[in-house]
């Protein structure tokens, strides 16, 4: 895979493909970013679909997917835990109107669900991390990139909650913002509504 040019197809939004772009950026991996339906295409025209399948595949190929099956499974557990929160959050948004469906539901999400979710993430990090910066093991993983991307999106949609986390994610955010390849990508990525 190292010398073959990849093509990533995804809609002209960050969405679920942003985790794939972050993984590729972390590895300084060249690829064509084609803004349409979600597909990863290899040089031989083989295609892989579904954004999380693509992310897991690339993470393992690039070295962000764990050192063994247990570490990989822990990463999957962190990602799946965060994904549950993402799905609940996205269900509150009317994407056509670019607004929330019901602000009472958003308030309930913030006041009740989000605090418990962050406690659960902290427990996973305490159990799986060997370095306070990262959620699993002692180096950057796709689970860290997934958490970063998810929490960053949450802050974009709900900037008023950023101070509710008591800097719980600050070390992770700092490590990603200081990663040479990721910093370059984040500085240059196209601006999109989502």
N, C-alpha and C. Protein backbone atom coordinates (compact mmCIF):
# COMPACT_ATOMS: atom_id res chain seq x y z
N UNK A 1 0.81 -1.19 0.00
CA UNK A 1 0.00 0.00 0.00
C UNK A 1 0.85 1.26 0.00
N UNK A 2 2.07 1.21 0.50
CA UNK A 2 2.88 2.40 0.71
C UNK A 2 3.15 3.20 -0.56
N UNK A 3 3.33 2.55 -1.69
CA UNK A 3 3.66 3.27 -2.91
C UNK A 3 2.48 3.47 -3.85
N UNK A 4 1.37 2.91 -3.54
CA UNK A 4 0.20 3.01 -4.41
C UNK A 4 -0.66 4.20 -4.00
N UNK A 5 -1.07 4.98 -4.97
CA UNK A 5 -1.92 6.13 -4.70
C UNK A 5 -3.34 5.66 -4.42
N UNK A 6 -3.90 6.18 -3.34
CA UNK A 6 -5.27 5.87 -2.97
C UNK A 6 -6.18 6.98 -3.45
N UNK A 7 -7.45 6.62 -3.66
CA UNK A 7 -8.49 7.61 -3.93
C UNK A 7 -9.55 7.43 -2.87
N UNK A 8 -9.86 8.50 -2.14
CA UNK A 8 -10.92 8.47 -1.16
C UNK A 8 -12.10 9.24 -1.72
N UNK A 9 -13.23 8.56 -1.86
CA UNK A 9 -14.45 9.18 -2.33
C UNK A 9 -15.35 9.41 -1.13
N UNK A 10 -15.81 10.64 -0.95
CA UNK A 10 -16.76 10.95 0.11
C UNK A 10 -17.42 12.27 -0.22
N UNK A 11 -18.58 12.48 0.34
CA UNK A 11 -19.32 13.72 0.12
C UNK A 11 -18.45 14.93 0.47
N UNK A 12 -18.84 16.10 0.03
CA UNK A 12 -18.07 17.32 0.28
C UNK A 12 -18.36 17.87 1.68
N UNK A 13 -18.17 17.00 2.66
CA UNK A 13 -18.30 17.35 4.07
C UNK A 13 -17.23 16.58 4.83
N UNK A 14 -17.01 16.95 6.09
CA UNK A 14 -16.07 16.18 6.91
C UNK A 14 -16.69 14.82 7.21
N UNK A 15 -17.84 14.84 7.84
CA UNK A 15 -18.60 13.62 8.12
C UNK A 15 -17.77 12.46 8.61
N UNK A 16 -18.18 11.29 8.24
CA UNK A 16 -17.49 10.07 8.69
C UNK A 16 -16.17 9.83 7.98
N UNK A 17 -15.92 10.53 6.88
CA UNK A 17 -14.64 10.36 6.19
C UNK A 17 -13.52 11.14 6.85
N UNK A 18 -13.86 12.06 7.74
CA UNK A 18 -12.80 12.88 8.34
C UNK A 18 -11.83 12.03 9.15
N UNK A 19 -12.31 10.97 9.80
CA UNK A 19 -11.41 10.07 10.52
C UNK A 19 -10.42 9.43 9.55
N UNK A 20 -10.86 9.10 8.35
CA UNK A 20 -9.97 8.52 7.34
C UNK A 20 -8.93 9.54 6.93
N UNK A 21 -9.36 10.76 6.69
CA UNK A 21 -8.42 11.82 6.29
C UNK A 21 -7.40 12.08 7.40
N UNK A 22 -7.83 12.05 8.66
CA UNK A 22 -6.91 12.25 9.78
C UNK A 22 -5.88 11.12 9.87
N UNK A 23 -6.32 9.89 9.65
CA UNK A 23 -5.39 8.75 9.67
C UNK A 23 -4.35 8.91 8.57
N UNK A 24 -4.80 9.22 7.37
CA UNK A 24 -3.88 9.41 6.25
C UNK A 24 -2.94 10.59 6.49
N UNK A 25 -3.46 11.66 7.08
CA UNK A 25 -2.62 12.82 7.38
C UNK A 25 -1.57 12.48 8.42
N UNK A 26 -1.95 11.73 9.44
CA UNK A 26 -0.99 11.34 10.49
C UNK A 26 0.18 10.57 9.91
N UNK A 27 -0.09 9.77 8.90
CA UNK A 27 0.95 8.97 8.26
C UNK A 27 1.62 9.71 7.10
N UNK A 28 1.20 10.95 6.85
CA UNK A 28 1.72 11.72 5.72
C UNK A 28 1.55 10.94 4.42
N UNK A 29 0.41 10.28 4.28
CA UNK A 29 0.12 9.40 3.14
C UNK A 29 -0.60 10.19 2.06
N UNK A 30 -0.07 10.17 0.87
CA UNK A 30 -0.71 10.85 -0.27
C UNK A 30 -1.95 10.10 -0.71
N UNK A 31 -2.96 10.86 -1.12
CA UNK A 31 -4.17 10.27 -1.66
C UNK A 31 -4.94 11.35 -2.40
N UNK A 32 -5.82 10.94 -3.28
CA UNK A 32 -6.72 11.86 -3.96
C UNK A 32 -8.01 11.92 -3.16
N UNK A 33 -8.42 13.12 -2.80
CA UNK A 33 -9.62 13.33 -2.01
C UNK A 33 -10.74 13.74 -2.96
N UNK A 34 -11.53 12.75 -3.41
CA UNK A 34 -12.61 12.97 -4.36
C UNK A 34 -13.89 13.14 -3.58
N UNK A 35 -14.52 14.30 -3.71
CA UNK A 35 -15.67 14.62 -2.88
C UNK A 35 -16.96 14.13 -3.52
N UNK A 36 -17.30 12.88 -3.25
CA UNK A 36 -18.58 12.29 -3.68
C UNK A 36 -18.91 11.12 -2.77
N UNK A 37 -19.43 10.00 -3.25
CA UNK A 37 -19.87 8.89 -2.41
C UNK A 37 -18.69 8.26 -1.65
N UNK A 38 -18.94 7.65 -0.46
CA UNK A 38 -17.85 7.09 0.34
C UNK A 38 -17.27 5.77 -0.20
N UNK A 39 -16.04 5.84 -0.69
CA UNK A 39 -15.31 4.67 -1.20
C UNK A 39 -13.82 4.96 -1.07
N UNK A 40 -13.02 3.95 -0.77
CA UNK A 40 -11.57 4.04 -0.88
C UNK A 40 -11.17 3.16 -2.06
N UNK A 41 -10.46 3.75 -3.01
CA UNK A 41 -10.05 2.99 -4.20
C UNK A 41 -8.54 2.88 -4.24
N UNK A 42 -8.05 1.66 -4.48
CA UNK A 42 -6.63 1.39 -4.57
C UNK A 42 -6.15 1.56 -6.01
N UNK A 43 -4.85 1.56 -6.20
CA UNK A 43 -4.27 1.76 -7.53
C UNK A 43 -4.76 0.73 -8.54
N UNK A 44 -5.08 -0.48 -8.07
CA UNK A 44 -5.55 -1.54 -8.98
C UNK A 44 -7.07 -1.49 -9.18
N UNK A 45 -7.71 -0.42 -8.76
CA UNK A 45 -9.16 -0.19 -8.86
C UNK A 45 -10.00 -1.00 -7.88
N UNK A 46 -9.37 -1.75 -6.96
CA UNK A 46 -10.10 -2.42 -5.89
C UNK A 46 -10.72 -1.34 -5.02
N UNK A 47 -11.97 -1.57 -4.61
CA UNK A 47 -12.66 -0.58 -3.79
C UNK A 47 -13.09 -1.16 -2.45
N UNK A 48 -13.05 -0.32 -1.45
CA UNK A 48 -13.49 -0.65 -0.11
C UNK A 48 -14.53 0.39 0.29
N UNK A 49 -15.66 -0.05 0.86
CA UNK A 49 -16.74 0.88 1.21
C UNK A 49 -16.91 0.95 2.73
N UNK A 50 -17.76 1.86 3.15
CA UNK A 50 -18.12 2.12 4.55
C UNK A 50 -16.97 2.81 5.29
N UNK A 51 -17.24 3.99 5.78
CA UNK A 51 -16.19 4.85 6.34
C UNK A 51 -15.44 4.22 7.51
N UNK A 52 -16.13 3.56 8.43
CA UNK A 52 -15.41 2.96 9.56
C UNK A 52 -14.62 1.73 9.15
N UNK A 53 -15.10 0.98 8.17
CA UNK A 53 -14.32 -0.14 7.65
C UNK A 53 -13.03 0.37 7.00
N UNK A 54 -13.16 1.45 6.25
CA UNK A 54 -11.98 2.06 5.62
C UNK A 54 -11.02 2.56 6.69
N UNK A 55 -11.55 3.24 7.70
CA UNK A 55 -10.70 3.77 8.78
C UNK A 55 -9.95 2.66 9.50
N UNK A 56 -10.65 1.58 9.85
CA UNK A 56 -9.99 0.46 10.55
C UNK A 56 -8.92 -0.18 9.67
N UNK A 57 -9.23 -0.38 8.42
CA UNK A 57 -8.26 -0.97 7.49
C UNK A 57 -7.01 -0.10 7.41
N UNK A 58 -7.20 1.20 7.15
CA UNK A 58 -6.05 2.09 7.01
C UNK A 58 -5.26 2.20 8.30
N UNK A 59 -5.95 2.26 9.42
CA UNK A 59 -5.27 2.35 10.71
C UNK A 59 -4.34 1.15 10.91
N UNK A 60 -4.82 -0.04 10.58
CA UNK A 60 -3.98 -1.24 10.72
C UNK A 60 -2.83 -1.22 9.73
N UNK A 61 -3.08 -0.81 8.50
CA UNK A 61 -2.03 -0.76 7.48
C UNK A 61 -0.95 0.27 7.80
N UNK A 62 -1.35 1.38 8.40
CA UNK A 62 -0.45 2.50 8.62
C UNK A 62 0.23 2.43 9.98
N UNK A 63 -0.26 1.60 10.88
CA UNK A 63 0.35 1.48 12.20
C UNK A 63 -0.37 2.26 13.29
N UNK A 64 -1.61 2.65 13.04
CA UNK A 64 -2.40 3.35 14.06
C UNK A 64 -3.50 2.46 14.62
N UNK A 65 -3.43 1.16 14.31
CA UNK A 65 -4.51 0.25 14.67
C UNK A 65 -4.20 -0.72 15.78
N UNK A 66 -3.12 -0.51 16.51
CA UNK A 66 -2.79 -1.39 17.64
C UNK A 66 -1.63 -2.31 17.36
N UNK A 67 -0.94 -2.67 18.42
CA UNK A 67 0.23 -3.54 18.30
C UNK A 67 -0.13 -5.01 18.29
N UNK A 68 -1.34 -5.34 18.77
CA UNK A 68 -1.82 -6.72 18.77
C UNK A 68 -3.35 -6.70 18.76
N UNK A 69 -3.95 -7.87 18.73
CA UNK A 69 -5.41 -7.95 18.64
C UNK A 69 -6.10 -7.34 19.86
N UNK A 70 -5.52 -7.51 21.05
CA UNK A 70 -6.14 -6.96 22.25
C UNK A 70 -6.13 -5.43 22.20
N UNK A 71 -5.00 -4.85 21.83
CA UNK A 71 -4.94 -3.39 21.73
C UNK A 71 -5.89 -2.89 20.64
N UNK A 72 -5.97 -3.61 19.53
CA UNK A 72 -6.92 -3.24 18.47
C UNK A 72 -8.36 -3.30 18.97
N UNK A 73 -8.69 -4.33 19.73
CA UNK A 73 -10.04 -4.46 20.27
C UNK A 73 -10.35 -3.33 21.26
N UNK A 74 -9.36 -2.93 22.04
CA UNK A 74 -9.55 -1.81 22.96
C UNK A 74 -9.82 -0.52 22.17
N UNK A 75 -9.09 -0.33 21.10
CA UNK A 75 -9.33 0.84 20.25
C UNK A 75 -10.74 0.80 19.68
N UNK A 76 -11.15 -0.37 19.23
CA UNK A 76 -12.52 -0.51 18.71
C UNK A 76 -13.55 -0.19 19.79
N UNK A 77 -13.29 -0.60 21.02
CA UNK A 77 -14.20 -0.30 22.13
C UNK A 77 -14.32 1.18 22.39
N UNK A 78 -13.19 1.89 22.35
CA UNK A 78 -13.21 3.34 22.53
C UNK A 78 -13.99 3.99 21.38
N UNK A 79 -13.69 3.58 20.16
CA UNK A 79 -14.38 4.14 18.99
C UNK A 79 -15.87 3.85 19.06
N UNK A 80 -16.25 2.64 19.38
CA UNK A 80 -17.67 2.28 19.44
C UNK A 80 -18.39 3.05 20.54
N UNK A 81 -17.72 3.27 21.67
CA UNK A 81 -18.30 4.07 22.76
C UNK A 81 -18.55 5.50 22.28
N UNK A 82 -17.56 6.07 21.60
CA UNK A 82 -17.73 7.43 21.08
C UNK A 82 -18.78 7.47 19.98
N UNK A 83 -18.79 6.45 19.17
CA UNK A 83 -19.76 6.40 18.06
C UNK A 83 -21.20 6.41 18.57
N UNK A 84 -21.44 5.73 19.70
CA UNK A 84 -22.77 5.76 20.30
C UNK A 84 -23.19 7.19 20.62
N UNK A 85 -22.25 7.98 21.19
CA UNK A 85 -22.54 9.38 21.51
C UNK A 85 -22.76 10.16 20.23
N UNK A 86 -21.92 9.93 19.22
CA UNK A 86 -22.07 10.64 17.94
C UNK A 86 -23.45 10.43 17.35
N UNK A 87 -23.89 9.18 17.30
CA UNK A 87 -25.20 8.87 16.71
C UNK A 87 -26.32 9.57 17.46
N UNK A 88 -26.22 9.59 18.78
CA UNK A 88 -27.24 10.27 19.57
C UNK A 88 -27.22 11.78 19.27
N UNK A 89 -26.02 12.34 19.21
CA UNK A 89 -25.89 13.78 18.94
C UNK A 89 -26.41 14.12 17.55
N UNK A 90 -26.00 13.37 16.54
CA UNK A 90 -26.41 13.68 15.17
C UNK A 90 -27.92 13.53 14.97
N UNK A 91 -28.54 12.68 15.79
CA UNK A 91 -30.00 12.54 15.68
C UNK A 91 -30.73 13.82 16.12
N UNK A 92 -30.04 14.71 16.80
CA UNK A 92 -30.64 15.96 17.26
C UNK A 92 -30.60 17.06 16.20
N UNK A 93 -29.87 16.83 15.12
CA UNK A 93 -29.61 17.87 14.13
C UNK A 93 -30.49 17.68 12.90
N UNK A 94 -31.07 18.77 12.44
CA UNK A 94 -31.75 18.80 11.15
C UNK A 94 -30.73 19.34 10.16
N UNK A 95 -30.09 18.46 9.43
CA UNK A 95 -28.99 18.86 8.55
C UNK A 95 -29.45 19.73 7.39
N UNK A 96 -30.66 19.53 6.93
CA UNK A 96 -31.17 20.38 5.84
C UNK A 96 -31.32 21.83 6.29
N UNK A 97 -31.82 22.01 7.49
CA UNK A 97 -32.01 23.37 8.02
C UNK A 97 -30.74 23.90 8.70
N UNK A 98 -29.74 23.02 8.88
CA UNK A 98 -28.50 23.36 9.57
C UNK A 98 -28.78 23.94 10.95
N UNK A 99 -29.63 23.21 11.68
CA UNK A 99 -30.01 23.65 13.02
C UNK A 99 -30.46 22.41 13.81
N UNK A 100 -30.64 22.60 15.10
CA UNK A 100 -31.14 21.52 15.93
C UNK A 100 -32.64 21.37 15.78
N UNK A 101 -33.12 20.14 15.90
CA UNK A 101 -34.54 19.86 15.77
C UNK A 101 -35.33 20.41 16.95
N UNK A 102 -34.82 20.19 18.17
CA UNK A 102 -35.53 20.57 19.37
C UNK A 102 -34.50 20.94 20.45
N UNK A 103 -34.49 22.18 20.87
CA UNK A 103 -33.48 22.63 21.83
C UNK A 103 -33.66 22.01 23.21
N UNK A 104 -34.86 21.58 23.55
CA UNK A 104 -35.06 20.88 24.83
C UNK A 104 -34.32 19.55 24.82
N UNK A 105 -34.35 18.86 23.68
CA UNK A 105 -33.61 17.59 23.55
C UNK A 105 -32.11 17.84 23.60
N UNK A 106 -31.65 18.93 23.02
CA UNK A 106 -30.22 19.28 23.07
C UNK A 106 -29.80 19.54 24.51
N UNK A 107 -30.62 20.29 25.24
CA UNK A 107 -30.32 20.59 26.65
C UNK A 107 -30.25 19.29 27.46
N UNK A 108 -31.19 18.40 27.23
CA UNK A 108 -31.19 17.11 27.94
C UNK A 108 -29.93 16.30 27.58
N UNK A 109 -29.56 16.31 26.31
CA UNK A 109 -28.35 15.63 25.85
C UNK A 109 -27.13 16.17 26.60
N UNK A 110 -27.01 17.49 26.66
CA UNK A 110 -25.86 18.12 27.33
C UNK A 110 -25.87 17.83 28.83
N UNK A 111 -27.00 18.05 29.48
CA UNK A 111 -27.08 17.95 30.93
C UNK A 111 -27.05 16.53 31.46
N UNK A 112 -27.60 15.60 30.72
CA UNK A 112 -27.72 14.24 31.23
C UNK A 112 -26.76 13.26 30.56
N UNK A 113 -26.82 13.19 29.26
CA UNK A 113 -26.06 12.14 28.56
C UNK A 113 -24.57 12.46 28.45
N UNK A 114 -24.23 13.67 28.11
CA UNK A 114 -22.85 14.02 27.80
C UNK A 114 -21.92 13.86 29.00
N UNK A 115 -22.36 14.27 30.17
CA UNK A 115 -21.52 14.13 31.36
C UNK A 115 -21.21 12.66 31.64
N UNK A 116 -22.22 11.81 31.53
CA UNK A 116 -21.99 10.36 31.75
C UNK A 116 -21.09 9.78 30.68
N UNK A 117 -21.27 10.23 29.46
CA UNK A 117 -20.43 9.76 28.37
C UNK A 117 -18.96 10.09 28.64
N UNK A 118 -18.69 11.31 29.05
CA UNK A 118 -17.30 11.72 29.32
C UNK A 118 -16.70 10.94 30.49
N UNK A 119 -17.52 10.62 31.49
CA UNK A 119 -17.04 9.78 32.60
C UNK A 119 -16.67 8.39 32.08
N UNK A 120 -17.50 7.84 31.20
CA UNK A 120 -17.21 6.52 30.61
C UNK A 120 -15.93 6.55 29.79
N UNK A 121 -15.73 7.61 29.00
CA UNK A 121 -14.49 7.73 28.24
C UNK A 121 -13.28 7.81 29.17
N UNK A 122 -13.42 8.56 30.25
CA UNK A 122 -12.32 8.68 31.22
C UNK A 122 -11.97 7.32 31.83
N UNK A 123 -12.98 6.51 32.11
CA UNK A 123 -12.74 5.17 32.65
C UNK A 123 -12.01 4.29 31.64
N UNK A 124 -12.43 4.36 30.38
CA UNK A 124 -11.74 3.58 29.34
C UNK A 124 -10.29 4.03 29.20
N UNK A 125 -10.08 5.32 29.21
CA UNK A 125 -8.72 5.86 29.09
C UNK A 125 -7.86 5.40 30.26
N UNK A 126 -8.42 5.45 31.45
CA UNK A 126 -7.67 5.02 32.64
C UNK A 126 -7.31 3.53 32.54
N UNK A 127 -8.22 2.74 32.02
CA UNK A 127 -7.99 1.29 31.92
C UNK A 127 -7.03 0.93 30.79
N UNK A 128 -7.06 1.66 29.67
CA UNK A 128 -6.34 1.25 28.47
C UNK A 128 -5.09 2.05 28.15
N UNK A 129 -4.94 3.23 28.73
CA UNK A 129 -3.84 4.11 28.35
C UNK A 129 -2.56 3.81 29.12
N UNK A 130 -1.44 3.95 28.42
CA UNK A 130 -0.12 3.87 29.05
C UNK A 130 0.57 5.23 29.00
N UNK A 131 -0.17 6.24 28.51
CA UNK A 131 0.34 7.60 28.37
C UNK A 131 -0.87 8.52 28.43
N UNK A 132 -0.85 9.49 29.32
CA UNK A 132 -2.04 10.33 29.55
C UNK A 132 -2.55 11.05 28.31
N UNK A 133 -1.73 11.18 27.29
CA UNK A 133 -2.17 11.86 26.07
C UNK A 133 -3.15 11.03 25.27
N UNK A 134 -3.01 9.70 25.34
CA UNK A 134 -3.72 8.82 24.41
C UNK A 134 -4.71 7.91 25.13
N UNK A 135 -5.71 7.45 24.40
CA UNK A 135 -6.75 6.63 24.98
C UNK A 135 -6.36 5.16 25.10
N UNK A 136 -5.51 4.67 24.21
CA UNK A 136 -5.10 3.27 24.25
C UNK A 136 -3.60 3.21 24.01
N UNK A 137 -2.90 2.46 24.84
CA UNK A 137 -1.47 2.28 24.64
C UNK A 137 -0.68 3.54 24.94
N UNK A 138 0.46 3.67 24.25
CA UNK A 138 1.36 4.78 24.57
C UNK A 138 1.72 5.64 23.36
N UNK A 139 0.93 5.50 22.28
CA UNK A 139 1.18 6.34 21.10
C UNK A 139 -0.14 6.64 20.40
N UNK A 140 -0.09 7.58 19.50
CA UNK A 140 -1.28 7.99 18.75
C UNK A 140 -1.90 6.80 18.04
N UNK A 141 -3.23 6.72 18.10
CA UNK A 141 -3.96 5.64 17.42
C UNK A 141 -5.17 6.23 16.71
N UNK A 142 -5.81 5.40 15.94
CA UNK A 142 -7.01 5.86 15.26
C UNK A 142 -8.13 6.14 16.26
N UNK A 143 -8.11 5.49 17.41
CA UNK A 143 -9.10 5.78 18.44
C UNK A 143 -8.95 7.23 18.92
N UNK A 144 -7.72 7.69 19.09
CA UNK A 144 -7.47 9.08 19.49
C UNK A 144 -7.98 10.04 18.42
N UNK A 145 -7.72 9.72 17.17
CA UNK A 145 -8.17 10.57 16.08
C UNK A 145 -9.70 10.59 16.00
N UNK A 146 -10.33 9.46 16.28
CA UNK A 146 -11.79 9.39 16.27
C UNK A 146 -12.37 10.23 17.39
N UNK A 147 -11.80 10.12 18.60
CA UNK A 147 -12.26 10.93 19.73
C UNK A 147 -12.05 12.41 19.41
N UNK A 148 -10.87 12.74 18.93
CA UNK A 148 -10.56 14.14 18.58
C UNK A 148 -11.59 14.69 17.59
N UNK A 149 -11.80 13.97 16.52
CA UNK A 149 -12.72 14.43 15.48
C UNK A 149 -14.14 14.58 16.03
N UNK A 150 -14.58 13.63 16.83
CA UNK A 150 -15.93 13.67 17.39
C UNK A 150 -16.11 14.82 18.37
N UNK A 151 -15.18 14.99 19.28
CA UNK A 151 -15.28 16.05 20.28
C UNK A 151 -15.12 17.41 19.61
N UNK A 152 -14.23 17.49 18.64
CA UNK A 152 -14.05 18.74 17.90
C UNK A 152 -15.37 19.13 17.21
N UNK A 153 -16.04 18.17 16.59
CA UNK A 153 -17.34 18.44 15.96
C UNK A 153 -18.37 18.89 17.00
N UNK A 154 -18.38 18.24 18.13
CA UNK A 154 -19.29 18.61 19.20
C UNK A 154 -19.05 20.07 19.60
N UNK A 155 -17.80 20.47 19.75
CA UNK A 155 -17.46 21.85 20.11
C UNK A 155 -17.85 22.82 18.99
N UNK A 156 -17.75 22.37 17.73
CA UNK A 156 -18.15 23.24 16.62
C UNK A 156 -19.65 23.52 16.65
N UNK A 157 -20.43 22.49 16.94
CA UNK A 157 -21.88 22.64 16.97
C UNK A 157 -22.38 23.28 18.27
N UNK A 158 -21.68 22.99 19.37
CA UNK A 158 -22.10 23.48 20.68
C UNK A 158 -20.92 24.14 21.41
N UNK A 159 -20.45 25.29 20.95
CA UNK A 159 -19.27 25.90 21.56
C UNK A 159 -19.44 26.21 23.05
N UNK A 160 -20.67 26.36 23.50
CA UNK A 160 -20.92 26.67 24.90
C UNK A 160 -20.54 25.54 25.85
N UNK A 161 -20.33 24.33 25.34
CA UNK A 161 -20.02 23.21 26.24
C UNK A 161 -18.52 22.98 26.41
N UNK A 162 -17.71 23.67 25.65
CA UNK A 162 -16.27 23.41 25.68
C UNK A 162 -15.70 23.50 27.10
N UNK A 163 -16.19 24.45 27.90
CA UNK A 163 -15.67 24.61 29.26
C UNK A 163 -16.23 23.60 30.25
N UNK A 164 -17.19 22.79 29.86
CA UNK A 164 -17.78 21.79 30.75
C UNK A 164 -16.87 20.58 30.97
N UNK A 165 -15.83 20.45 30.17
CA UNK A 165 -15.02 19.23 30.21
C UNK A 165 -13.78 19.35 31.08
N UNK A 166 -13.55 20.51 31.70
CA UNK A 166 -12.39 20.71 32.56
C UNK A 166 -11.10 20.22 31.90
N UNK A 167 -10.95 20.55 30.65
CA UNK A 167 -9.74 20.20 29.88
C UNK A 167 -9.50 18.69 29.78
N UNK A 168 -10.54 17.90 29.89
CA UNK A 168 -10.41 16.44 29.81
C UNK A 168 -9.73 15.99 28.52
N UNK A 169 -9.91 16.74 27.45
CA UNK A 169 -9.38 16.34 26.15
C UNK A 169 -8.18 17.19 25.72
N UNK A 170 -7.72 18.09 26.58
CA UNK A 170 -6.70 19.05 26.18
C UNK A 170 -5.39 18.39 25.77
N UNK A 171 -4.92 17.41 26.53
CA UNK A 171 -3.66 16.75 26.17
C UNK A 171 -3.76 16.07 24.81
N UNK A 172 -4.87 15.41 24.55
CA UNK A 172 -5.07 14.77 23.25
C UNK A 172 -5.10 15.82 22.15
N UNK A 173 -5.87 16.88 22.34
CA UNK A 173 -5.94 17.94 21.34
C UNK A 173 -4.56 18.54 21.09
N UNK A 174 -3.81 18.80 22.15
CA UNK A 174 -2.46 19.37 22.00
C UNK A 174 -1.55 18.44 21.22
N UNK A 175 -1.60 17.14 21.53
CA UNK A 175 -0.72 16.19 20.82
C UNK A 175 -1.07 16.12 19.34
N UNK A 176 -2.35 16.21 19.00
CA UNK A 176 -2.76 16.19 17.59
C UNK A 176 -2.39 17.49 16.90
N UNK A 177 -2.61 18.61 17.58
CA UNK A 177 -2.27 19.90 16.98
C UNK A 177 -0.76 20.09 16.83
N UNK A 178 0.03 19.37 17.62
CA UNK A 178 1.49 19.46 17.53
C UNK A 178 2.10 18.38 16.65
N UNK A 179 1.31 17.46 16.17
CA UNK A 179 1.78 16.41 15.26
C UNK A 179 2.00 17.06 13.89
N UNK A 180 3.20 17.00 13.38
CA UNK A 180 3.56 17.73 12.16
C UNK A 180 2.60 17.47 11.00
N UNK A 181 2.34 16.22 10.70
CA UNK A 181 1.49 15.88 9.56
C UNK A 181 0.04 16.27 9.80
N UNK A 182 -0.44 16.04 11.01
CA UNK A 182 -1.83 16.41 11.31
C UNK A 182 -2.01 17.92 11.34
N UNK A 183 -1.05 18.63 11.89
CA UNK A 183 -1.13 20.10 11.91
C UNK A 183 -1.23 20.63 10.49
N UNK A 184 -0.40 20.11 9.60
CA UNK A 184 -0.42 20.55 8.20
C UNK A 184 -1.80 20.29 7.58
N UNK A 185 -2.32 19.09 7.78
CA UNK A 185 -3.64 18.74 7.24
C UNK A 185 -4.71 19.66 7.81
N UNK A 186 -4.74 19.81 9.13
CA UNK A 186 -5.78 20.62 9.77
C UNK A 186 -5.71 22.07 9.31
N UNK A 187 -4.52 22.57 9.09
CA UNK A 187 -4.36 23.96 8.61
C UNK A 187 -4.82 24.12 7.16
N UNK A 188 -4.72 23.05 6.36
CA UNK A 188 -5.01 23.15 4.93
C UNK A 188 -6.33 22.53 4.48
N UNK A 189 -7.01 21.80 5.34
CA UNK A 189 -8.23 21.12 4.90
C UNK A 189 -9.30 22.13 4.48
N UNK A 190 -10.13 21.72 3.53
CA UNK A 190 -11.19 22.63 3.07
C UNK A 190 -12.20 22.91 4.18
N UNK A 191 -12.71 24.11 4.19
CA UNK A 191 -13.76 24.46 5.14
C UNK A 191 -15.09 23.89 4.63
N UNK A 192 -15.78 23.16 5.48
CA UNK A 192 -17.09 22.62 5.13
C UNK A 192 -18.06 22.88 6.29
N UNK A 193 -19.35 22.87 5.98
CA UNK A 193 -20.36 23.10 7.02
C UNK A 193 -20.37 21.96 8.03
N UNK A 194 -20.12 20.73 7.56
CA UNK A 194 -20.15 19.56 8.46
C UNK A 194 -18.85 18.82 8.38
